[in-house]
PDB file of N, CA and C in Angstrom:
ATOM      1  N   MET A   1       0.930  -1.343   0.270  1.00  0.00           N
ATOM      2  CA  MET A   1       0.073  -0.151   0.305  1.00  0.00           C
ATOM      3  C   MET A   1       0.923   1.461  -0.227  1.00  0.00           C
ATOM      4  N   ILE A   2       0.383   2.295  -0.526  1.00  0.00           N
ATOM      5  CA  ILE A   2       1.423   3.723  -0.668  1.00  0.00           C
ATOM      6  C   ILE A   2       0.191   4.871  -0.625  1.00  0.00           C
ATOM      7  N   ASP A   3       0.400   5.577   0.173  1.00  0.00           N
ATOM      8  CA  ASP A   3      -0.523   6.820   0.480  1.00  0.00           C
ATOM      9  C   ASP A   3       0.073   7.886  -0.939  1.00  0.00           C
ATOM     10  N   VAL A   4      -0.962   8.432  -1.574  1.00  0.00           N
ATOM     11  CA  VAL A   4      -0.873   9.132  -2.481  1.00  0.00           C
ATOM     12  C   VAL A   4      -1.594  10.368  -2.055  1.00  0.00           C
ATOM     13  N   LEU A   5      -1.003  11.753  -1.779  1.00  0.00           N
ATOM     14  CA  LEU A   5      -1.313  12.956  -1.481  1.00  0.00           C
ATOM     15  C   LEU A   5      -1.400  14.182  -3.025  1.00  0.00           C
ATOM     16  N   TYR A   6      -2.490  14.588  -2.876  1.00  0.00           N
ATOM     17  CA  TYR A   6      -2.477  15.494  -3.646  1.00  0.00           C
ATOM     18  C   TYR A   6      -3.095  17.167  -3.109  1.00  0.00           C
ATOM     19  N   PHE A   7      -2.067  18.030  -3.984  1.00  0.00           N
ATOM     20  CA  PHE A   7      -2.008  19.407  -3.016  1.00  0.00           C
ATOM     21  C   PHE A   7      -2.662  20.416  -4.433  1.00  0.00           C
ATOM     22  N   ALA A   8      -3.187  21.529  -3.739  1.00  0.00           N
ATOM     23  CA  ALA A   8      -3.601  22.625  -4.816  1.00  0.00           C
ATOM     24  C   ALA A   8      -4.748  22.196  -5.600  1.00  0.00           C
ATOM     25  N   TRP A   9      -4.415  22.452  -7.158  1.00  0.00           N
ATOM     26  CA  TRP A   9      -5.430  22.407  -7.948  1.00  0.00           C
ATOM     27  C   TRP A   9      -5.549  20.887  -8.272  1.00  0.00           C
ATOM     28  N   VAL A  10      -4.609  20.054  -8.210  1.00  0.00           N
ATOM     29  CA  VAL A  10      -4.549  18.917  -7.860  1.00  0.00           C
ATOM     30  C   VAL A  10      -5.521  17.990  -7.515  1.00  0.00           C
ATOM     31  N   ARG A  11      -5.251  18.372  -6.078  1.00  0.00           N
ATOM     32  CA  ARG A  11      -6.613  17.889  -5.260  1.00  0.00           C
ATOM     33  C   ARG A  11      -7.894  18.182  -5.628  1.00  0.00           C
ATOM     34  N   GLU A  12      -8.127  19.894  -6.382  1.00  0.00           N
ATOM     35  CA  GLU A  12      -9.710  20.194  -6.333  1.00  0.00           C
ATOM     36  C   GLU A  12     -10.044  19.350  -7.960  1.00  0.00           C
ATOM     37  N   ARG A  13      -9.076  19.008  -8.669  1.00  0.00           N
ATOM     38  CA  ARG A  13      -9.543  17.942  -9.842  1.00  0.00           C
ATOM     39  C   ARG A  13      -9.678  16.886  -9.521  1.00  0.00           C
ATOM     40  N   ILE A  14      -9.250  15.987  -8.213  1.00  0.00           N
ATOM     41  CA  ILE A  14      -9.458  15.075  -8.228  1.00  0.00           C
ATOM     42  C   ILE A  14     -10.605  14.796  -7.167  1.00  0.00           C
ATOM     43  N   GLY A  15     -10.535  15.913  -6.317  1.00  0.00           N
ATOM     44  CA  GLY A  15     -11.532  15.509  -5.428  1.00  0.00           C
ATOM     45  C   GLY A  15     -11.646  14.956  -3.882  1.00  0.00           C
ATOM     46  N   LEU A  16      -9.866  14.511  -3.672  1.00  0.00           N
ATOM     47  CA  LEU A  16      -9.484  14.453  -2.546  1.00  0.00           C
ATOM     48  C   LEU A  16      -8.153  14.798  -2.122  1.00  0.00           C
ATOM     49  N   PRO A  17      -7.993  14.754  -1.079  1.00  0.00           N
ATOM     50  CA  PRO A  17      -6.676  15.343  -0.579  1.00  0.00           C
ATOM     51  C   PRO A  17      -5.558  14.187  -0.513  1.00  0.00           C
ATOM     52  N   ARG A  18      -6.048  12.764   0.112  1.00  0.00           N
ATOM     53  CA  ARG A  18      -5.311  11.716  -0.178  1.00  0.00           C
ATOM     54  C   ARG A  18      -5.890  10.334  -0.008  1.00  0.00           C
ATOM     55  N   GLU A  19      -5.327   9.405  -0.715  1.00  0.00           N
ATOM     56  CA  GLU A  19      -5.923   8.046  -0.721  1.00  0.00           C
ATOM     57  C   GLU A  19      -4.884   7.010  -0.367  1.00  0.00           C
ATOM     58  N   ARG A  20      -5.017   6.153   0.068  1.00  0.00           N
ATOM     59  CA  ARG A  20      -4.163   4.837  -0.059  1.00  0.00           C
ATOM     60  C   ARG A  20      -4.650   3.910  -1.030  1.00  0.00           C
ATOM     61  N   ILE A  21      -3.568   3.306  -2.059  1.00  0.00           N
ATOM     62  CA  ILE A  21      -3.853   2.857  -3.053  1.00  0.00           C
ATOM     63  C   ILE A  21      -3.176   1.395  -3.036  1.00  0.00           C
ATOM     64  N   GLU A  22      -3.254   0.523  -3.901  1.00  0.00           N
ATOM     65  CA  GLU A  22      -2.743  -0.855  -3.906  1.00  0.00           C
ATOM     66  C   GLU A  22      -2.075  -0.424  -5.685  1.00  0.00           C
ATOM     67  N   THR A  23      -0.787  -0.792  -5.851  1.00  0.00           N
ATOM     68  CA  THR A  23      -0.155  -0.379  -6.926  1.00  0.00           C
ATOM     69  C   THR A  23       0.829  -1.622  -7.359  1.00  0.00           C
ATOM     70  N   LYS A  24       1.060  -1.776  -8.478  1.00  0.00           N
ATOM     71  CA  LYS A  24       1.890  -2.688  -9.251  1.00  0.00           C
ATOM     72  C   LYS A  24       2.875  -2.041  -9.993  1.00  0.00           C
ATOM     73  N   ALA A  25       2.679  -0.480  -9.756  1.00  0.00           N
ATOM     74  CA  ALA A  25       3.836   0.684 -10.642  1.00  0.00           C
ATOM     75  C   ALA A  25       4.989   0.538 -10.144  1.00  0.00           C
ATOM     76  N   ALA A  26       6.265   0.366 -10.868  1.00  0.00           N
ATOM     77  CA  ALA A  26       7.758   0.512 -10.552  1.00  0.00           C
ATOM     78  C   ALA A  26       8.064   1.959 -10.246  1.00  0.00           C
ATOM     79  N   THR A  27       7.457   2.533 -11.331  1.00  0.00           N
ATOM     80  CA  THR A  27       8.060   4.133 -11.159  1.00  0.00           C
ATOM     81  C   THR A  27       6.744   5.065 -11.116  1.00  0.00           C
ATOM     82  N   VAL A  28       7.362   6.422 -10.657  1.00  0.00           N
ATOM     83  CA  VAL A  28       6.338   7.194 -10.705  1.00  0.00           C
ATOM     84  C   VAL A  28       5.172   7.350 -12.043  1.00  0.00           C
ATOM     85  N   THR A  29       6.117   7.480 -13.009  1.00  0.00           N
ATOM     86  CA  THR A  29       5.310   7.717 -14.225  1.00  0.00           C
ATOM     87  C   THR A  29       4.155   6.431 -14.406  1.00  0.00           C
ATOM     88  N   GLU A  30       4.766   4.971 -14.363  1.00  0.00           N
ATOM     89  CA  GLU A  30       4.064   3.917 -14.266  1.00  0.00           C
ATOM     90  C   GLU A  30       2.544   4.208 -13.107  1.00  0.00           C
ATOM     91  N   LEU A  31       2.396   4.760 -11.802  1.00  0.00           N
ATOM     92  CA  LEU A  31       1.634   5.087 -11.177  1.00  0.00           C
ATOM     93  C   LEU A  31       0.944   6.219 -11.713  1.00  0.00           C
ATOM     94  N   VAL A  32       1.363   6.963 -12.276  1.00  0.00           N
ATOM     95  CA  VAL A  32       0.657   8.046 -12.910  1.00  0.00           C
ATOM     96  C   VAL A  32      -0.348   7.543 -14.013  1.00  0.00           C
ATOM     97  N   GLU A  33       0.266   6.911 -15.004  1.00  0.00           N
ATOM     98  CA  GLU A  33      -0.426   6.122 -15.898  1.00  0.00           C
ATOM     99  C   GLU A  33      -1.767   5.171 -15.161  1.00  0.00           C
ATOM    100  N   GLU A  34      -1.440   4.531 -13.961  1.00  0.00           N
ATOM    101  CA  GLU A  34      -2.575   3.911 -13.340  1.00  0.00           C
ATOM    102  C   GLU A  34      -3.474   4.552 -13.171  1.00  0.00           C
ATOM    103  N   LEU A  35      -3.377   5.724 -12.235  1.00  0.00           N
ATOM    104  CA  LEU A  35      -4.108   6.794 -11.860  1.00  0.00           C
ATOM    105  C   LEU A  35      -4.974   7.734 -13.231  1.00  0.00           C
ATOM    106  N   ARG A  36      -4.313   7.876 -14.060  1.00  0.00           N
ATOM    107  CA  ARG A  36      -4.829   8.406 -15.303  1.00  0.00           C
ATOM    108  C   ARG A  36      -6.128   7.709 -15.610  1.00  0.00           C
ATOM    109  N   SER A  37      -5.935   6.089 -15.638  1.00  0.00           N
ATOM    110  CA  SER A  37      -6.845   5.208 -16.527  1.00  0.00           C
ATOM    111  C   SER A  37      -7.824   4.921 -15.380  1.00  0.00           C
ATOM    112  N   ARG A  38      -7.769   5.605 -14.250  1.00  0.00           N
ATOM    113  CA  ARG A  38      -9.062   5.212 -13.432  1.00  0.00           C
ATOM    114  C   ARG A  38     -10.359   6.085 -13.618  1.00  0.00           C
ATOM    115  N   GLU A  39      -9.984   7.052 -14.154  1.00  0.00           N
ATOM    116  CA  GLU A  39     -11.530   8.058 -13.912  1.00  0.00           C
ATOM    117  C   GLU A  39     -11.210   9.413 -14.914  1.00  0.00           C
ATOM    118  N   ASP A  40     -12.132  10.081 -15.588  1.00  0.00           N
ATOM    119  CA  ASP A  40     -11.518  11.353 -16.194  1.00  0.00           C
ATOM    120  C   ASP A  40     -11.085  12.502 -15.161  1.00  0.00           C
ATOM    121  N   ARG A  41     -11.398  12.576 -13.946  1.00  0.00           N
ATOM    122  CA  ARG A  41     -10.814  13.523 -13.055  1.00  0.00           C
ATOM    123  C   ARG A  41      -9.300  13.560 -12.704  1.00  0.00           C
ATOM    124  N   TYR A  42      -9.133  12.025 -12.735  1.00  0.00           N
ATOM    125  CA  TYR A  42      -7.485  11.409 -12.625  1.00  0.00           C
ATOM    126  C   TYR A  42      -6.849  12.114 -14.083  1.00  0.00           C
ATOM    127  N   ALA A  43      -7.708  11.690 -15.130  1.00  0.00           N
ATOM    128  CA  ALA A  43      -6.849  12.199 -16.522  1.00  0.00           C
ATOM    129  C   ALA A  43      -6.803  13.373 -16.490  1.00  0.00           C
ATOM    130  N   ALA A  44      -7.479  14.537 -15.984  1.00  0.00           N
ATOM    131  CA  ALA A  44      -7.470  15.776 -16.394  1.00  0.00           C
ATOM    132  C   ALA A  44      -6.642  16.238 -15.367  1.00  0.00           C
ATOM    133  N   ALA A  45      -6.395  15.586 -13.974  1.00  0.00           N
ATOM    134  CA  ALA A  45      -5.302  16.376 -12.978  1.00  0.00           C
ATOM    135  C   ALA A  45      -3.652  15.885 -13.528  1.00  0.00           C
ATOM    136  N   PHE A  46      -3.585  14.700 -14.292  1.00  0.00           N
ATOM    137  CA  PHE A  46      -2.589  14.441 -14.641  1.00  0.00           C
ATOM    138  C   PHE A  46      -2.044  14.416 -16.551  1.00  0.00           C
ATOM    139  N   ALA A  47      -3.055  15.153 -17.019  1.00  0.00           N
ATOM    140  CA  ALA A  47      -2.888  15.504 -18.129  1.00  0.00           C
ATOM    141  C   ALA A  47      -1.430  16.296 -18.904  1.00  0.00           C
ATOM    142  N   ASP A  48      -0.707  16.948 -17.910  1.00  0.00           N
ATOM    143  CA  ASP A  48       0.273  17.785 -18.300  1.00  0.00           C
ATOM    144  C   ASP A  48       1.076  17.711 -17.009  1.00  0.00           C
ATOM    145  N   LEU A  49       2.391  16.630 -17.361  1.00  0.00           N
ATOM    146  CA  LEU A  49       3.250  16.469 -16.197  1.00  0.00           C
ATOM    147  C   LEU A  49       4.418  17.457 -15.942  1.00  0.00           C
ATOM    148  N   SER A  50       4.460  18.387 -16.804  1.00  0.00           N
ATOM    149  CA  SER A  50       5.189  19.393 -16.960  1.00  0.00           C
ATOM    150  C   SER A  50       4.907  20.480 -15.936  1.00  0.00           C
ATOM    151  N   ALA A  51       3.272  20.149 -15.477  1.00  0.00           N
ATOM    152  CA  ALA A  51       3.007  21.561 -14.860  1.00  0.00           C
ATOM    153  C   ALA A  51       2.740  21.062 -13.154  1.00  0.00           C
ATOM    154  N   LEU A  52       3.146  19.653 -12.926  1.00  0.00           N
ATOM    155  CA  LEU A  52       3.629  18.899 -11.906  1.00  0.00           C
ATOM    156  C   LEU A  52       4.862  18.731 -10.971  1.00  0.00           C
ATOM    157  N   ARG A  53       5.139  18.576  -9.868  1.00  0.00           N
ATOM    158  CA  ARG A  53       5.969  17.863  -9.457  1.00  0.00           C
ATOM    159  C   ARG A  53       5.791  16.976  -8.489  1.00  0.00           C
ATOM    160  N   VAL A  54       6.754  16.005  -7.977  1.00  0.00           N
ATOM    161  CA  VAL A  54       6.545  14.907  -7.086  1.00  0.00           C
ATOM    162  C   VAL A  54       7.204  15.040  -6.113  1.00  0.00           C
ATOM    163  N   ALA A  55       6.743  14.279  -4.820  1.00  0.00           N
ATOM    164  CA  ALA A  55       7.930  13.997  -3.941  1.00  0.00           C
ATOM    165  C   ALA A  55       7.524  12.647  -3.444  1.00  0.00           C
ATOM    166  N   LEU A  56       8.665  12.001  -3.134  1.00  0.00           N
ATOM    167  CA  LEU A  56       8.666  10.626  -2.568  1.00  0.00           C
ATOM    168  C   LEU A  56       9.003  10.533  -1.144  1.00  0.00           C
ATOM    169  N   ASP A  57       8.135  10.471  -0.178  1.00  0.00           N
ATOM    170  CA  ASP A  57       8.737  10.441   1.307  1.00  0.00           C
ATOM    171  C   ASP A  57       9.151  11.413   1.204  1.00  0.00           C
ATOM    172  N   GLN A  58       8.510  12.642   1.008  1.00  0.00           N
ATOM    173  CA  GLN A  58       8.691  14.219   1.315  1.00  0.00           C
ATOM    174  C   GLN A  58      10.124  14.901   0.883  1.00  0.00           C
ATOM    175  N   GLU A  59      10.769  14.172  -0.169  1.00  0.00           N
ATOM    176  CA  GLU A  59      11.905  14.166  -0.948  1.00  0.00           C
ATOM    177  C   GLU A  59      11.669  14.701  -2.574  1.00  0.00           C
ATOM    178  N   LEU A  60      11.925  15.588  -2.925  1.00  0.00           N
ATOM    179  CA  LEU A  60      11.243  16.073  -4.399  1.00  0.00           C
ATOM    180  C   LEU A  60      12.005  15.028  -5.227  1.00  0.00           C
ATOM    181  N   ALA A  61      11.434  14.264  -6.366  1.00  0.00           N
ATOM    182  CA  ALA A  61      11.777  13.246  -6.959  1.00  0.00           C
ATOM    183  C   ALA A  61      11.137  13.614  -8.553  1.00  0.00           C
ATOM    184  N   SER A  62      11.804  12.804  -9.443  1.00  0.00           N
ATOM    185  CA  SER A  62      11.627  13.072 -10.905  1.00  0.00           C
ATOM    186  C   SER A  62      10.654  12.031 -11.074  1.00  0.00           C
ATOM    187  N   PHE A  63       9.879  11.926 -12.316  1.00  0.00           N
ATOM    188  CA  PHE A  63       8.637  10.950 -12.600  1.00  0.00           C
ATOM    189  C   PHE A  63       9.284   9.704 -12.918  1.00  0.00           C
ATOM    190  N   ASP A  64      10.799   9.363 -13.155  1.00  0.00           N
ATOM    191  CA  ASP A  64      11.279   8.018 -13.725  1.00  0.00           C
ATOM    192  C   ASP A  64      11.807   7.897 -12.374  1.00  0.00           C
ATOM    193  N   ALA A  65      11.493   8.056 -11.192  1.00  0.00           N
ATOM    194  CA  ALA A  65      12.071   7.636 -10.003  1.00  0.00           C
ATOM    195  C   ALA A  65      11.497   6.418  -9.542  1.00  0.00           C
ATOM    196  N   SER A  66      11.941   5.544  -9.187  1.00  0.00           N
ATOM    197  CA  SER A  66      11.546   4.271  -8.650  1.00  0.00           C
ATOM    198  C   SER A  66      11.014   4.355  -7.348  1.00  0.00           C
ATOM    199  N   LEU A  67       9.717   3.449  -7.307  1.00  0.00           N
ATOM    200  CA  LEU A  67       8.919   3.393  -6.048  1.00  0.00           C
ATOM    201  C   LEU A  67       9.049   2.497  -4.985  1.00  0.00           C
ATOM    202  N   ALA A  68      10.165   1.815  -5.295  1.00  0.00           N
ATOM    203  CA  ALA A  68      10.368   0.839  -4.457  1.00  0.00           C
ATOM    204  C   ALA A  68      10.985   1.420  -2.943  1.00  0.00           C
ATOM    205  N   GLY A  69       9.824   0.664  -1.972  1.00  0.00           N
ATOM    206  CA  GLY A  69      10.130   1.049  -0.785  1.00  0.00           C
ATOM    207  C   GLY A  69       9.730   2.258  -0.410  1.00  0.00           C
ATOM    208  N   VAL A  70       9.022   2.802  -1.328  1.00  0.00           N
ATOM    209  CA  VAL A  70       8.496   4.222  -1.084  1.00  0.00           C
ATOM    210  C   VAL A  70       6.876   4.126  -0.217  1.00  0.00           C
ATOM    211  N   ARG A  71       6.614   4.657   0.595  1.00  0.00           N
ATOM    212  CA  ARG A  71       5.659   4.982   1.652  1.00  0.00           C
ATOM    213  C   ARG A  71       4.520   5.779   0.941  1.00  0.00           C
ATOM    214  N   GLU A  72       5.109   7.021   0.507  1.00  0.00           N
ATOM    215  CA  GLU A  72       4.056   8.439   0.330  1.00  0.00           C
ATOM    216  C   GLU A  72       4.555   9.163  -0.876  1.00  0.00           C
ATOM    217  N   VAL A  73       3.497   9.336  -1.631  1.00  0.00           N
ATOM    218  CA  VAL A  73       3.510  10.034  -3.079  1.00  0.00           C
ATOM    219  C   VAL A  73       3.108  11.090  -3.177  1.00  0.00           C
ATOM    220  N   ALA A  74       3.438  12.360  -3.128  1.00  0.00           N
ATOM    221  CA  ALA A  74       2.720  13.741  -3.042  1.00  0.00           C
ATOM    222  C   ALA A  74       2.663  14.470  -4.824  1.00  0.00           C
ATOM    223  N   PHE A  75       1.901  14.910  -4.806  1.00  0.00           N
ATOM    224  CA  PHE A  75       1.853  15.868  -6.238  1.00  0.00           C
ATOM    225  C   PHE A  75       1.131  16.995  -6.037  1.00  0.00           C
ATOM    226  N   PHE A  76       1.857  18.033  -6.517  1.00  0.00           N
ATOM    227  CA  PHE A  76       1.679  19.402  -6.721  1.00  0.00           C
ATOM    228  C   PHE A  76       2.286  20.440  -7.512  1.00  0.00           C
ATOM    229  N   PRO A  77       1.629  21.287  -7.933  1.00  0.00           N
ATOM    230  CA  PRO A  77       2.360  22.000  -8.534  1.00  0.00           C
ATOM    231  C   PRO A  77       3.188  22.886  -8.540  1.00  0.00           C
ATOM    232  N   PRO A  78       4.326  23.479  -9.056  1.00  0.00           N
ATOM    233  CA  PRO A  78       5.722  23.926  -8.840  1.00  0.00           C
ATOM    234  C   PRO A  78       5.001  25.134  -7.898  1.00  0.00           C
ATOM    235  N   MET A  79       6.291  24.882  -7.003  1.00  0.00           N
ATOM    236  CA  MET A  79       5.937  26.086  -5.913  1.00  0.00           C
ATOM    237  C   MET A  79       6.473  27.584  -6.502  1.00  0.00           C
ATOM    238  N   THR A  80       6.050  28.543  -6.401  1.00  0.00           N
ATOM    239  CA  THR A  80       6.447  30.138  -6.776  1.00  0.00           C
ATOM    240  C   THR A  80       6.757  30.802  -5.584  1.00  0.00           C
ATOM    241  N   GLY A  81       7.663  31.361  -5.583  1.00  0.00           N
ATOM    242  CA  GLY A  81       8.165  32.401  -4.629  1.00  0.00           C
ATOM    243  C   GLY A  81       7.442  33.788  -3.940  1.00  0.00           C
ATOM    244  N   GLY A  82       7.571  34.441  -3.029  1.00  0.00           N
ATOM    245  CA  GLY A  82       6.699  35.603  -2.716  1.00  0.00           C
ATOM    246  C   GLY A  82       6.573  35.906  -1.633  1.00  0.00           C
TER     247      GLY A  82
END
């Protein structure tokens, strides 16, 4: 099981702040593909990966990063200063 967290407009599009899922995905990209195939709201949230960042166990990561041993995946838009 893996905890998936959604922040900002990602959470708004999906309608959930977090969920616990069972996945066979080996990488973040594979997880995104699984999520996209669930429902249109996931497809909309993950339509443009260049507009998203991902963190694995609270460390920034790339979409080709391995999910081996990861307990938490968070998706969020890029942060801006201010």
